[in-house]
Amino acid sequence: WVAEMFLSGPSLEKRKREAERQRGITPEIKRYEEIKVGVITTSVGI
C-alpha cells in the first residue's frame, strides 16, 4: 500500500482498472451494481 500512496492519479486509476479487469468487473457490471445500490438505498429511505 506504500507504493500506491506515491502513484500519480493516472497510474493509480490504471492499476485500479487492471485489478477490476482481472476480477471480471466490467463497466456494465458496475452499472448494474450501482442501480442495485440505488434501489436498496431508496427503499431504506422510504
ModelCIF file with pLDDT and N, C-alpha, C, O atoms, coordinates in Angstrom:
data_MODEL
#
_entry.id   MODEL 
#
_entity.id                         1 
_entity.type                       polymer 
_entity.pdbx_number_of_molecules   1 
#
_entity_poly.entity_id                      1 
_entity_poly.type                           'polypeptide(L)' 
_entity_poly.nstd_linkage                   no 
_entity_poly.nstd_monomer                   no 
_entity_poly.pdbx_seq_one_letter_code       WVAEMFLSGPSLEKRKREAERQRGITPEIKRYEEIKVGVITTSVGI 
_entity_poly.pdbx_seq_one_letter_code_can   WVAEMFLSGPSLEKRKREAERQRGITPEIKRYEEIKVGVITTSVGI 
_entity_poly.pdbx_strand_id                 A 
#
loop_
_entity_poly_seq.entity_id 
_entity_poly_seq.num 
_entity_poly_seq.mon_id 
_entity_poly_seq.hetero 
1 1  TRP n 
1 2  VAL n 
1 3  ALA n 
1 4  GLU n 
1 5  MET n 
1 6  PHE n 
1 7  LEU n 
1 8  SER n 
1 9  GLY n 
1 10 PRO n 
1 11 SER n 
1 12 LEU n 
1 13 GLU n 
1 14 LYS n 
1 15 ARG n 
1 16 LYS n 
1 17 ARG n 
1 18 GLU n 
1 19 ALA n 
1 20 GLU n 
1 21 ARG n 
1 22 GLN n 
1 23 ARG n 
1 24 GLY n 
1 25 ILE n 
1 26 THR n 
1 27 PRO n 
1 28 GLU n 
1 29 ILE n 
1 30 LYS n 
1 31 ARG n 
1 32 TYR n 
1 33 GLU n 
1 34 GLU n 
1 35 ILE n 
1 36 LYS n 
1 37 VAL n 
1 38 GLY n 
1 39 VAL n 
1 40 ILE n 
1 41 THR n 
1 42 THR n 
1 43 SER n 
1 44 VAL n 
1 45 GLY n 
1 46 ILE n 
#
_struct_asym.id          A 
_struct_asym.entity_id   1 
#
loop_
_ma_qa_metric.id 
_ma_qa_metric.mode 
_ma_qa_metric.name 
_ma_qa_metric.software_group_id 
_ma_qa_metric.type 
1 global pLDDT . pLDDT 
2 local  pLDDT . pLDDT 
#
_ma_qa_metric_global.metric_id      1 
_ma_qa_metric_global.metric_value   83.52 
_ma_qa_metric_global.model_id       1 
_ma_qa_metric_global.ordinal_id     1 
#
loop_
_ma_qa_metric_local.label_asym_id 
_ma_qa_metric_local.label_comp_id 
_ma_qa_metric_local.label_seq_id 
_ma_qa_metric_local.metric_id 
_ma_qa_metric_local.metric_value 
_ma_qa_metric_local.model_id 
_ma_qa_metric_local.ordinal_id 
A TRP 1  2 70.00 1 1  
A VAL 2  2 72.00 1 2  
A ALA 3  2 72.00 1 3  
A GLU 4  2 69.00 1 4  
A MET 5  2 72.00 1 5  
A PHE 6  2 74.00 1 6  
A LEU 7  2 71.00 1 7  
A SER 8  2 73.00 1 8  
A GLY 9  2 76.00 1 9  
A PRO 10 2 81.00 1 10 
A SER 11 2 78.00 1 11 
A LEU 12 2 75.00 1 12 
A GLU 13 2 79.00 1 13 
A LYS 14 2 81.00 1 14 
A ARG 15 2 78.00 1 15 
A LYS 16 2 80.00 1 16 
A ARG 17 2 78.00 1 17 
A GLU 18 2 81.00 1 18 
A ALA 19 2 80.00 1 19 
A GLU 20 2 79.00 1 20 
A ARG 21 2 78.00 1 21 
A GLN 22 2 81.00 1 22 
A ARG 23 2 81.00 1 23 
A GLY 24 2 79.00 1 24 
A ILE 25 2 81.00 1 25 
A THR 26 2 82.00 1 26 
A PRO 27 2 82.00 1 27 
A GLU 28 2 84.00 1 28 
A ILE 29 2 86.00 1 29 
A LYS 30 2 86.00 1 30 
A ARG 31 2 88.00 1 31 
A TYR 32 2 90.00 1 32 
A GLU 33 2 90.00 1 33 
A GLU 34 2 92.00 1 34 
A ILE 35 2 93.00 1 35 
A LYS 36 2 94.00 1 36 
A VAL 37 2 94.00 1 37 
A GLY 38 2 95.00 1 38 
A VAL 39 2 95.00 1 39 
A ILE 40 2 96.00 1 40 
A THR 41 2 96.00 1 41 
A THR 42 2 96.00 1 42 
A SER 43 2 96.00 1 43 
A VAL 44 2 96.00 1 44 
A GLY 45 2 96.00 1 45 
A ILE 46 2 96.00 1 46 
#
loop_
_atom_site.group_PDB 
_atom_site.id 
_atom_site.type_symbol 
_atom_site.label_atom_id 
_atom_site.label_alt_id 
_atom_site.label_comp_id 
_atom_site.label_asym_id 
_atom_site.label_entity_id 
_atom_site.label_seq_id 
_atom_site.pdbx_PDB_ins_code 
_atom_site.Cartn_x 
_atom_site.Cartn_y 
_atom_site.Cartn_z 
_atom_site.occupancy 
_atom_site.B_iso_or_equiv 
_atom_site.pdbx_formal_charge 
_atom_site.auth_seq_id 
_atom_site.auth_comp_id 
_atom_site.auth_asym_id 
_atom_site.auth_atom_id 
_atom_site.pdbx_PDB_model_num 
ATOM 1   N N  . TRP A 1 1  ? 0.830   -1.207  0.000   1.00 70.00 ? 1  TRP A N  1 
ATOM 2   C CA . TRP A 1 1  ? 0.000   0.000   0.000   1.00 70.00 ? 1  TRP A CA 1 
ATOM 3   C C  . TRP A 1 1  ? 0.863   1.254   0.000   1.00 70.00 ? 1  TRP A C  1 
ATOM 4   O O  . TRP A 1 1  ? 0.402   2.329   -0.384  1.00 70.00 ? 1  TRP A O  1 
ATOM 5   N N  . VAL A 1 2  ? 2.110   1.120   0.429   1.00 72.00 ? 2  VAL A N  1 
ATOM 6   C CA . VAL A 1 2  ? 3.007   2.278   0.435   1.00 72.00 ? 2  VAL A CA 1 
ATOM 7   C C  . VAL A 1 2  ? 3.259   2.750   -0.994  1.00 72.00 ? 2  VAL A C  1 
ATOM 8   O O  . VAL A 1 2  ? 3.299   3.952   -1.257  1.00 72.00 ? 2  VAL A O  1 
ATOM 9   N N  . ALA A 1 3  ? 3.428   1.808   -1.907  1.00 72.00 ? 3  ALA A N  1 
ATOM 10  C CA . ALA A 1 3  ? 3.673   2.169   -3.303  1.00 72.00 ? 3  ALA A CA 1 
ATOM 11  C C  . ALA A 1 3  ? 2.464   2.881   -3.895  1.00 72.00 ? 3  ALA A C  1 
ATOM 12  O O  . ALA A 1 3  ? 2.619   3.791   -4.709  1.00 72.00 ? 3  ALA A O  1 
ATOM 13  N N  . GLU A 1 4  ? 1.266   2.478   -3.496  1.00 69.00 ? 4  GLU A N  1 
ATOM 14  C CA . GLU A 1 4  ? 0.065   3.117   -4.025  1.00 69.00 ? 4  GLU A CA 1 
ATOM 15  C C  . GLU A 1 4  ? -0.056  4.561   -3.555  1.00 69.00 ? 4  GLU A C  1 
ATOM 16  O O  . GLU A 1 4  ? -0.664  5.388   -4.234  1.00 69.00 ? 4  GLU A O  1 
ATOM 17  N N  . MET A 1 5  ? 0.522   4.866   -2.396  1.00 72.00 ? 5  MET A N  1 
ATOM 18  C CA . MET A 1 5  ? 0.470   6.247   -1.910  1.00 72.00 ? 5  MET A CA 1 
ATOM 19  C C  . MET A 1 5  ? 1.247   7.181   -2.826  1.00 72.00 ? 5  MET A C  1 
ATOM 20  O O  . MET A 1 5  ? 0.890   8.349   -2.974  1.00 72.00 ? 5  MET A O  1 
ATOM 21  N N  . PHE A 1 6  ? 2.304   6.670   -3.438  1.00 74.00 ? 6  PHE A N  1 
ATOM 22  C CA . PHE A 1 6  ? 3.172   7.511   -4.242  1.00 74.00 ? 6  PHE A CA 1 
ATOM 23  C C  . PHE A 1 6  ? 2.823   7.488   -5.730  1.00 74.00 ? 6  PHE A C  1 
ATOM 24  O O  . PHE A 1 6  ? 3.476   8.165   -6.524  1.00 74.00 ? 6  PHE A O  1 
ATOM 25  N N  . LEU A 1 7  ? 1.821   6.732   -6.111  1.00 71.00 ? 7  LEU A N  1 
ATOM 26  C CA . LEU A 1 7  ? 1.421   6.689   -7.515  1.00 71.00 ? 7  LEU A CA 1 
ATOM 27  C C  . LEU A 1 7  ? 0.674   7.962   -7.885  1.00 71.00 ? 7  LEU A C  1 
ATOM 28  O O  . LEU A 1 7  ? -0.056  8.531   -7.073  1.00 71.00 ? 7  LEU A O  1 
ATOM 29  N N  . SER A 1 8  ? 0.866   8.393   -9.112  1.00 73.00 ? 8  SER A N  1 
ATOM 30  C CA . SER A 1 8  ? 0.131   9.558   -9.587  1.00 73.00 ? 8  SER A CA 1 
ATOM 31  C C  . SER A 1 8  ? -1.310  9.147   -9.879  1.00 73.00 ? 8  SER A C  1 
ATOM 32  O O  . SER A 1 8  ? -1.631  7.958   -9.901  1.00 73.00 ? 8  SER A O  1 
ATOM 33  N N  . GLY A 1 9  ? -2.162  10.122  -10.098 1.00 76.00 ? 9  GLY A N  1 
ATOM 34  C CA . GLY A 1 9  ? -3.575  9.856   -10.350 1.00 76.00 ? 9  GLY A CA 1 
ATOM 35  C C  . GLY A 1 9  ? -3.824  8.905   -11.505 1.00 76.00 ? 9  GLY A C  1 
ATOM 36  O O  . GLY A 1 9  ? -4.549  7.924   -11.342 1.00 76.00 ? 9  GLY A O  1 
ATOM 37  N N  . PRO A 1 10 ? -3.236  9.170   -12.685 1.00 81.00 ? 10 PRO A N  1 
ATOM 38  C CA . PRO A 1 10 ? -3.467  8.261   -13.813 1.00 81.00 ? 10 PRO A CA 1 
ATOM 39  C C  . PRO A 1 10 ? -2.913  6.853   -13.563 1.00 81.00 ? 10 PRO A C  1 
ATOM 40  O O  . PRO A 1 10 ? -3.526  5.867   -13.971 1.00 81.00 ? 10 PRO A O  1 
ATOM 41  N N  . SER A 1 11 ? -1.772  6.757   -12.905 1.00 78.00 ? 11 SER A N  1 
ATOM 42  C CA . SER A 1 11 ? -1.193  5.436   -12.628 1.00 78.00 ? 11 SER A CA 1 
ATOM 43  C C  . SER A 1 11 ? -2.064  4.661   -11.660 1.00 78.00 ? 11 SER A C  1 
ATOM 44  O O  . SER A 1 11 ? -2.262  3.456   -11.818 1.00 78.00 ? 11 SER A O  1 
ATOM 45  N N  . LEU A 1 12 ? -2.583  5.351   -10.662 1.00 75.00 ? 12 LEU A N  1 
ATOM 46  C CA . LEU A 1 12 ? -3.454  4.697   -9.687  1.00 75.00 ? 12 LEU A CA 1 
ATOM 47  C C  . LEU A 1 12 ? -4.747  4.242   -10.344 1.00 75.00 ? 12 LEU A C  1 
ATOM 48  O O  . LEU A 1 12 ? -5.240  3.149   -10.063 1.00 75.00 ? 12 LEU A O  1 
ATOM 49  N N  . GLU A 1 13 ? -5.294  5.076   -11.217 1.00 79.00 ? 13 GLU A N  1 
ATOM 50  C CA . GLU A 1 13 ? -6.520  4.720   -11.932 1.00 79.00 ? 13 GLU A CA 1 
ATOM 51  C C  . GLU A 1 13 ? -6.282  3.526   -12.859 1.00 79.00 ? 13 GLU A C  1 
ATOM 52  O O  . GLU A 1 13 ? -7.132  2.644   -12.975 1.00 79.00 ? 13 GLU A O  1 
ATOM 53  N N  . LYS A 1 14 ? -5.128  3.506   -13.511 1.00 81.00 ? 14 LYS A N  1 
ATOM 54  C CA . LYS A 1 14 ? -4.789  2.400   -14.403 1.00 81.00 ? 14 LYS A CA 1 
ATOM 55  C C  . LYS A 1 14 ? -4.655  1.101   -13.613 1.00 81.00 ? 14 LYS A C  1 
ATOM 56  O O  . LYS A 1 14 ? -5.131  0.057   -14.060 1.00 81.00 ? 14 LYS A O  1 
ATOM 57  N N  . ARG A 1 15 ? -4.011  1.151   -12.443 1.00 78.00 ? 15 ARG A N  1 
ATOM 58  C CA . ARG A 1 15 ? -3.860  -0.038  -11.608 1.00 78.00 ? 15 ARG A CA 1 
ATOM 59  C C  . ARG A 1 15 ? -5.220  -0.523  -11.122 1.00 78.00 ? 15 ARG A C  1 
ATOM 60  O O  . ARG A 1 15 ? -5.469  -1.727  -11.064 1.00 78.00 ? 15 ARG A O  1 
ATOM 61  N N  . LYS A 1 16 ? -6.099  0.415   -10.772 1.00 80.00 ? 16 LYS A N  1 
ATOM 62  C CA . LYS A 1 16 ? -7.441  0.051   -10.302 1.00 80.00 ? 16 LYS A CA 1 
ATOM 63  C C  . LYS A 1 16 ? -8.237  -0.625  -11.418 1.00 80.00 ? 16 LYS A C  1 
ATOM 64  O O  . LYS A 1 16 ? -8.904  -1.632  -11.182 1.00 80.00 ? 16 LYS A O  1 
ATOM 65  N N  . ARG A 1 17 ? -8.168  -0.070  -12.641 1.00 78.00 ? 17 ARG A N  1 
ATOM 66  C CA . ARG A 1 17 ? -8.886  -0.671  -13.774 1.00 78.00 ? 17 ARG A CA 1 
ATOM 67  C C  . ARG A 1 17 ? -8.346  -2.064  -14.088 1.00 78.00 ? 17 ARG A C  1 
ATOM 68  O O  . ARG A 1 17 ? -9.112  -2.970  -14.415 1.00 78.00 ? 17 ARG A O  1 
ATOM 69  N N  . GLU A 1 18 ? -7.029  -2.235  -13.990 1.00 81.00 ? 18 GLU A N  1 
ATOM 70  C CA . GLU A 1 18 ? -6.422  -3.548  -14.268 1.00 81.00 ? 18 GLU A CA 1 
ATOM 71  C C  . GLU A 1 18 ? -6.874  -4.568  -13.225 1.00 81.00 ? 18 GLU A C  1 
ATOM 72  O O  . GLU A 1 18 ? -7.168  -5.713  -13.567 1.00 81.00 ? 18 GLU A O  1 
ATOM 73  N N  . ALA A 1 19 ? -6.933  -4.162  -11.960 1.00 80.00 ? 19 ALA A N  1 
ATOM 74  C CA . ALA A 1 19 ? -7.393  -5.074  -10.903 1.00 80.00 ? 19 ALA A CA 1 
ATOM 75  C C  . ALA A 1 19 ? -8.860  -5.448  -11.121 1.00 80.00 ? 19 ALA A C  1 
ATOM 76  O O  . ALA A 1 19 ? -9.237  -6.604  -10.930 1.00 80.00 ? 19 ALA A O  1 
ATOM 77  N N  . GLU A 1 20 ? -9.678  -4.491  -11.515 1.00 79.00 ? 20 GLU A N  1 
ATOM 78  C CA . GLU A 1 20 ? -11.090 -4.787  -11.787 1.00 79.00 ? 20 GLU A CA 1 
ATOM 79  C C  . GLU A 1 20 ? -11.232 -5.706  -12.991 1.00 79.00 ? 20 GLU A C  1 
ATOM 80  O O  . GLU A 1 20 ? -12.087 -6.592  -12.999 1.00 79.00 ? 20 GLU A O  1 
ATOM 81  N N  . ARG A 1 21 ? -10.401 -5.502  -14.008 1.00 78.00 ? 21 ARG A N  1 
ATOM 82  C CA . ARG A 1 21 ? -10.459 -6.355  -15.190 1.00 78.00 ? 21 ARG A CA 1 
ATOM 83  C C  . ARG A 1 21 ? -10.099 -7.796  -14.832 1.00 78.00 ? 21 ARG A C  1 
ATOM 84  O O  . ARG A 1 21 ? -10.717 -8.736  -15.331 1.00 78.00 ? 21 ARG A O  1 
ATOM 85  N N  . GLN A 1 22 ? -9.104  -7.965  -13.969 1.00 81.00 ? 22 GLN A N  1 
ATOM 86  C CA . GLN A 1 22 ? -8.694  -9.311  -13.569 1.00 81.00 ? 22 GLN A CA 1 
ATOM 87  C C  . GLN A 1 22 ? -9.782  -10.002 -12.747 1.00 81.00 ? 22 GLN A C  1 
ATOM 88  O O  . GLN A 1 22 ? -9.924  -11.223 -12.807 1.00 81.00 ? 22 GLN A O  1 
ATOM 89  N N  . ARG A 1 23 ? -10.542 -9.233  -11.986 1.00 81.00 ? 23 ARG A N  1 
ATOM 90  C CA . ARG A 1 23 ? -11.633 -9.808  -11.201 1.00 81.00 ? 23 ARG A CA 1 
ATOM 91  C C  . ARG A 1 23 ? -12.893 -9.988  -12.030 1.00 81.00 ? 23 ARG A C  1 
ATOM 92  O O  . ARG A 1 23 ? -13.868 -10.561 -11.542 1.00 81.00 ? 23 ARG A O  1 
ATOM 93  N N  . GLY A 1 24 ? -12.901 -9.514  -13.273 1.00 79.00 ? 24 GLY A N  1 
ATOM 94  C CA . GLY A 1 24 ? -14.059 -9.678  -14.147 1.00 79.00 ? 24 GLY A CA 1 
ATOM 95  C C  . GLY A 1 24 ? -15.117 -8.613  -13.970 1.00 79.00 ? 24 GLY A C  1 
ATOM 96  O O  . GLY A 1 24 ? -16.267 -8.813  -14.361 1.00 79.00 ? 24 GLY A O  1 
ATOM 97  N N  . ILE A 1 25 ? -14.749 -7.480  -13.387 1.00 81.00 ? 25 ILE A N  1 
ATOM 98  C CA . ILE A 1 25 ? -15.706 -6.393  -13.180 1.00 81.00 ? 25 ILE A CA 1 
ATOM 99  C C  . ILE A 1 25 ? -15.657 -5.471  -14.389 1.00 81.00 ? 25 ILE A C  1 
ATOM 100 O O  . ILE A 1 25 ? -14.684 -4.745  -14.593 1.00 81.00 ? 25 ILE A O  1 
ATOM 101 N N  . THR A 1 26 ? -16.701 -5.508  -15.172 1.00 82.00 ? 26 THR A N  1 
ATOM 102 C CA . THR A 1 26 ? -16.789 -4.672  -16.368 1.00 82.00 ? 26 THR A CA 1 
ATOM 103 C C  . THR A 1 26 ? -17.609 -3.427  -16.041 1.00 82.00 ? 26 THR A C  1 
ATOM 104 O O  . THR A 1 26 ? -18.287 -3.394  -15.014 1.00 82.00 ? 26 THR A O  1 
ATOM 105 N N  . PRO A 1 27 ? -17.561 -2.403  -16.894 1.00 82.00 ? 27 PRO A N  1 
ATOM 106 C CA . PRO A 1 27 ? -18.394 -1.223  -16.655 1.00 82.00 ? 27 PRO A CA 1 
ATOM 107 C C  . PRO A 1 27 ? -19.893 -1.560  -16.614 1.00 82.00 ? 27 PRO A C  1 
ATOM 108 O O  . PRO A 1 27 ? -20.657 -0.904  -15.906 1.00 82.00 ? 27 PRO A O  1 
ATOM 109 N N  . GLU A 1 28 ? -20.306 -2.568  -17.361 1.00 84.00 ? 28 GLU A N  1 
ATOM 110 C CA . GLU A 1 28 ? -21.720 -2.961  -17.351 1.00 84.00 ? 28 GLU A CA 1 
ATOM 111 C C  . GLU A 1 28 ? -22.100 -3.560  -15.992 1.00 84.00 ? 28 GLU A C  1 
ATOM 112 O O  . GLU A 1 28 ? -23.181 -3.284  -15.472 1.00 84.00 ? 28 GLU A O  1 
ATOM 113 N N  . ILE A 1 29 ? -21.224 -4.367  -15.428 1.00 86.00 ? 29 ILE A N  1 
ATOM 114 C CA . ILE A 1 29 ? -21.490 -4.942  -14.102 1.00 86.00 ? 29 ILE A CA 1 
ATOM 115 C C  . ILE A 1 29 ? -21.519 -3.840  -13.051 1.00 86.00 ? 29 ILE A C  1 
ATOM 116 O O  . ILE A 1 29 ? -22.369 -3.842  -12.160 1.00 86.00 ? 29 ILE A O  1 
ATOM 117 N N  . LYS A 1 30 ? -20.575 -2.886  -13.162 1.00 86.00 ? 30 LYS A N  1 
ATOM 118 C CA . LYS A 1 30 ? -20.546 -1.774  -12.212 1.00 86.00 ? 30 LYS A CA 1 
ATOM 119 C C  . LYS A 1 30 ? -21.833 -0.948  -12.313 1.00 86.00 ? 30 LYS A C  1 
ATOM 120 O O  . LYS A 1 30 ? -22.334 -0.435  -11.313 1.00 86.00 ? 30 LYS A O  1 
ATOM 121 N N  . ARG A 1 31 ? -22.351 -0.831  -13.522 1.00 88.00 ? 31 ARG A N  1 
ATOM 122 C CA . ARG A 1 31 ? -23.599 -0.074  -13.736 1.00 88.00 ? 31 ARG A CA 1 
ATOM 123 C C  . ARG A 1 31 ? -24.763 -0.760  -13.034 1.00 88.00 ? 31 ARG A C  1 
ATOM 124 O O  . ARG A 1 31 ? -25.546 -0.106  -12.345 1.00 88.00 ? 31 ARG A O  1 
ATOM 125 N N  . TYR A 1 32 ? -24.883 -2.081  -13.206 1.00 90.00 ? 32 TYR A N  1 
ATOM 126 C CA . TYR A 1 32 ? -25.968 -2.807  -12.557 1.00 90.00 ? 32 TYR A CA 1 
ATOM 127 C C  . TYR A 1 32 ? -25.833 -2.767  -11.032 1.00 90.00 ? 32 TYR A C  1 
ATOM 128 O O  . TYR A 1 32 ? -26.828 -2.673  -10.313 1.00 90.00 ? 32 TYR A O  1 
ATOM 129 N N  . GLU A 1 33 ? -24.596 -2.841  -10.554 1.00 90.00 ? 33 GLU A N  1 
ATOM 130 C CA . GLU A 1 33 ? -24.370 -2.753  -9.109  1.00 90.00 ? 33 GLU A CA 1 
ATOM 131 C C  . GLU A 1 33 ? -24.804 -1.393  -8.580  1.00 90.00 ? 33 GLU A C  1 
ATOM 132 O O  . GLU A 1 33 ? -25.390 -1.295  -7.502  1.00 90.00 ? 33 GLU A O  1 
ATOM 133 N N  . GLU A 1 34 ? -24.518 -0.360  -9.334  1.00 92.00 ? 34 GLU A N  1 
ATOM 134 C CA . GLU A 1 34 ? -24.891 0.992   -8.913  1.00 92.00 ? 34 GLU A CA 1 
ATOM 135 C C  . GLU A 1 34 ? -26.411 1.146   -8.861  1.00 92.00 ? 34 GLU A C  1 
ATOM 136 O O  . GLU A 1 34 ? -26.949 1.750   -7.933  1.00 92.00 ? 34 GLU A O  1 
ATOM 137 N N  . ILE A 1 35 ? -27.096 0.598   -9.860  1.00 93.00 ? 35 ILE A N  1 
ATOM 138 C CA . ILE A 1 35 ? -28.563 0.653   -9.860  1.00 93.00 ? 35 ILE A CA 1 
ATOM 139 C C  . ILE A 1 35 ? -29.111 -0.132  -8.669  1.00 93.00 ? 35 ILE A C  1 
ATOM 140 O O  . ILE A 1 35 ? -30.051 0.312   -8.010  1.00 93.00 ? 35 ILE A O  1 
ATOM 141 N N  . LYS A 1 36 ? -28.525 -1.298  -8.395  1.00 94.00 ? 36 LYS A N  1 
ATOM 142 C CA . LYS A 1 36 ? -28.972 -2.121  -7.273  1.00 94.00 ? 36 LYS A CA 1 
ATOM 143 C C  . LYS A 1 36 ? -28.785 -1.378  -5.938  1.00 94.00 ? 36 LYS A C  1 
ATOM 144 O O  . LYS A 1 36 ? -29.677 -1.382  -5.090  1.00 94.00 ? 36 LYS A O  1 
ATOM 145 N N  . VAL A 1 37 ? -27.629 -0.748  -5.765  1.00 94.00 ? 37 VAL A N  1 
ATOM 146 C CA . VAL A 1 37 ? -27.379 0.018   -4.540  1.00 94.00 ? 37 VAL A CA 1 
ATOM 147 C C  . VAL A 1 37 ? -28.356 1.184   -4.439  1.00 94.00 ? 37 VAL A C  1 
ATOM 148 O O  . VAL A 1 37 ? -28.819 1.512   -3.346  1.00 94.00 ? 37 VAL A O  1 
ATOM 149 N N  . GLY A 1 38 ? -28.671 1.808   -5.565  1.00 95.00 ? 38 GLY A N  1 
ATOM 150 C CA . GLY A 1 38 ? -29.636 2.908   -5.563  1.00 95.00 ? 38 GLY A CA 1 
ATOM 151 C C  . GLY A 1 38 ? -31.013 2.455   -5.134  1.00 95.00 ? 38 GLY A C  1 
ATOM 152 O O  . GLY A 1 38 ? -31.680 3.145   -4.362  1.00 95.00 ? 38 GLY A O  1 
ATOM 153 N N  . VAL A 1 39 ? -31.452 1.302   -5.623  1.00 95.00 ? 39 VAL A N  1 
ATOM 154 C CA . VAL A 1 39 ? -32.771 0.776   -5.248  1.00 95.00 ? 39 VAL A CA 1 
ATOM 155 C C  . VAL A 1 39 ? -32.796 0.455   -3.750  1.00 95.00 ? 39 VAL A C  1 
ATOM 156 O O  . VAL A 1 39 ? -33.769 0.760   -3.060  1.00 95.00 ? 39 VAL A O  1 
ATOM 157 N N  . ILE A 1 40 ? -31.720 -0.163  -3.253  1.00 96.00 ? 40 ILE A N  1 
ATOM 158 C CA . ILE A 1 40 ? -31.662 -0.511  -1.828  1.00 96.00 ? 40 ILE A CA 1 
ATOM 159 C C  . ILE A 1 40 ? -31.673 0.751   -0.967  1.00 96.00 ? 40 ILE A C  1 
ATOM 160 O O  . ILE A 1 40 ? -32.393 0.820   0.029   1.00 96.00 ? 40 ILE A O  1 
ATOM 161 N N  . THR A 1 41 ? -30.873 1.751   -1.353  1.00 96.00 ? 41 THR A N  1 
ATOM 162 C CA . THR A 1 41 ? -30.808 2.988   -0.576  1.00 96.00 ? 41 THR A CA 1 
ATOM 163 C C  . THR A 1 41 ? -32.146 3.722   -0.592  1.00 96.00 ? 41 THR A C  1 
ATOM 164 O O  . THR A 1 41 ? -32.567 4.264   0.430   1.00 96.00 ? 41 THR A O  1 
ATOM 165 N N  . THR A 1 42 ? -32.811 3.743   -1.733  1.00 96.00 ? 42 THR A N  1 
ATOM 166 C CA . THR A 1 42 ? -34.128 4.375   -1.821  1.00 96.00 ? 42 THR A CA 1 
ATOM 167 C C  . THR A 1 42 ? -35.126 3.649   -0.929  1.00 96.00 ? 42 THR A C  1 
ATOM 168 O O  . THR A 1 42 ? -35.916 4.284   -0.230  1.00 96.00 ? 42 THR A O  1 
ATOM 169 N N  . SER A 1 43 ? -35.091 2.336   -0.954  1.00 96.00 ? 43 SER A N  1 
ATOM 170 C CA . SER A 1 43 ? -36.000 1.547   -0.117  1.00 96.00 ? 43 SER A CA 1 
ATOM 171 C C  . SER A 1 43 ? -35.730 1.794   1.366   1.00 96.00 ? 43 SER A C  1 
ATOM 172 O O  . SER A 1 43 ? -36.666 1.890   2.160   1.00 96.00 ? 43 SER A O  1 
ATOM 173 N N  . VAL A 1 44 ? -34.461 1.896   1.740   1.00 96.00 ? 44 VAL A N  1 
ATOM 174 C CA . VAL A 1 44 ? -34.126 2.173   3.136   1.00 96.00 ? 44 VAL A CA 1 
ATOM 175 C C  . VAL A 1 44 ? -34.640 3.551   3.530   1.00 96.00 ? 44 VAL A C  1 
ATOM 176 O O  . VAL A 1 44 ? -35.145 3.733   4.637   1.00 96.00 ? 44 VAL A O  1 
ATOM 177 N N  . GLY A 1 45 ? -34.516 4.517   2.631   1.00 96.00 ? 45 GLY A N  1 
ATOM 178 C CA . GLY A 1 45 ? -35.018 5.860   2.925   1.00 96.00 ? 45 GLY A CA 1 
ATOM 179 C C  . GLY A 1 45 ? -36.516 5.873   3.153   1.00 96.00 ? 45 GLY A C  1 
ATOM 180 O O  . GLY A 1 45 ? -37.005 6.516   4.082   1.00 96.00 ? 45 GLY A O  1 
ATOM 181 N N  . ILE A 1 46 ? -37.250 5.155   2.297   1.00 96.00 ? 46 ILE A N  1 
ATOM 182 C CA . ILE A 1 46 ? -38.715 5.088   2.456   1.00 96.00 ? 46 ILE A CA 1 
ATOM 183 C C  . ILE A 1 46 ? -39.077 4.384   3.766   1.00 96.00 ? 46 ILE A C  1 
ATOM 184 O O  . ILE A 1 46 ? -40.257 4.230   4.079   1.00 96.00 ? 46 ILE A O  1 
#
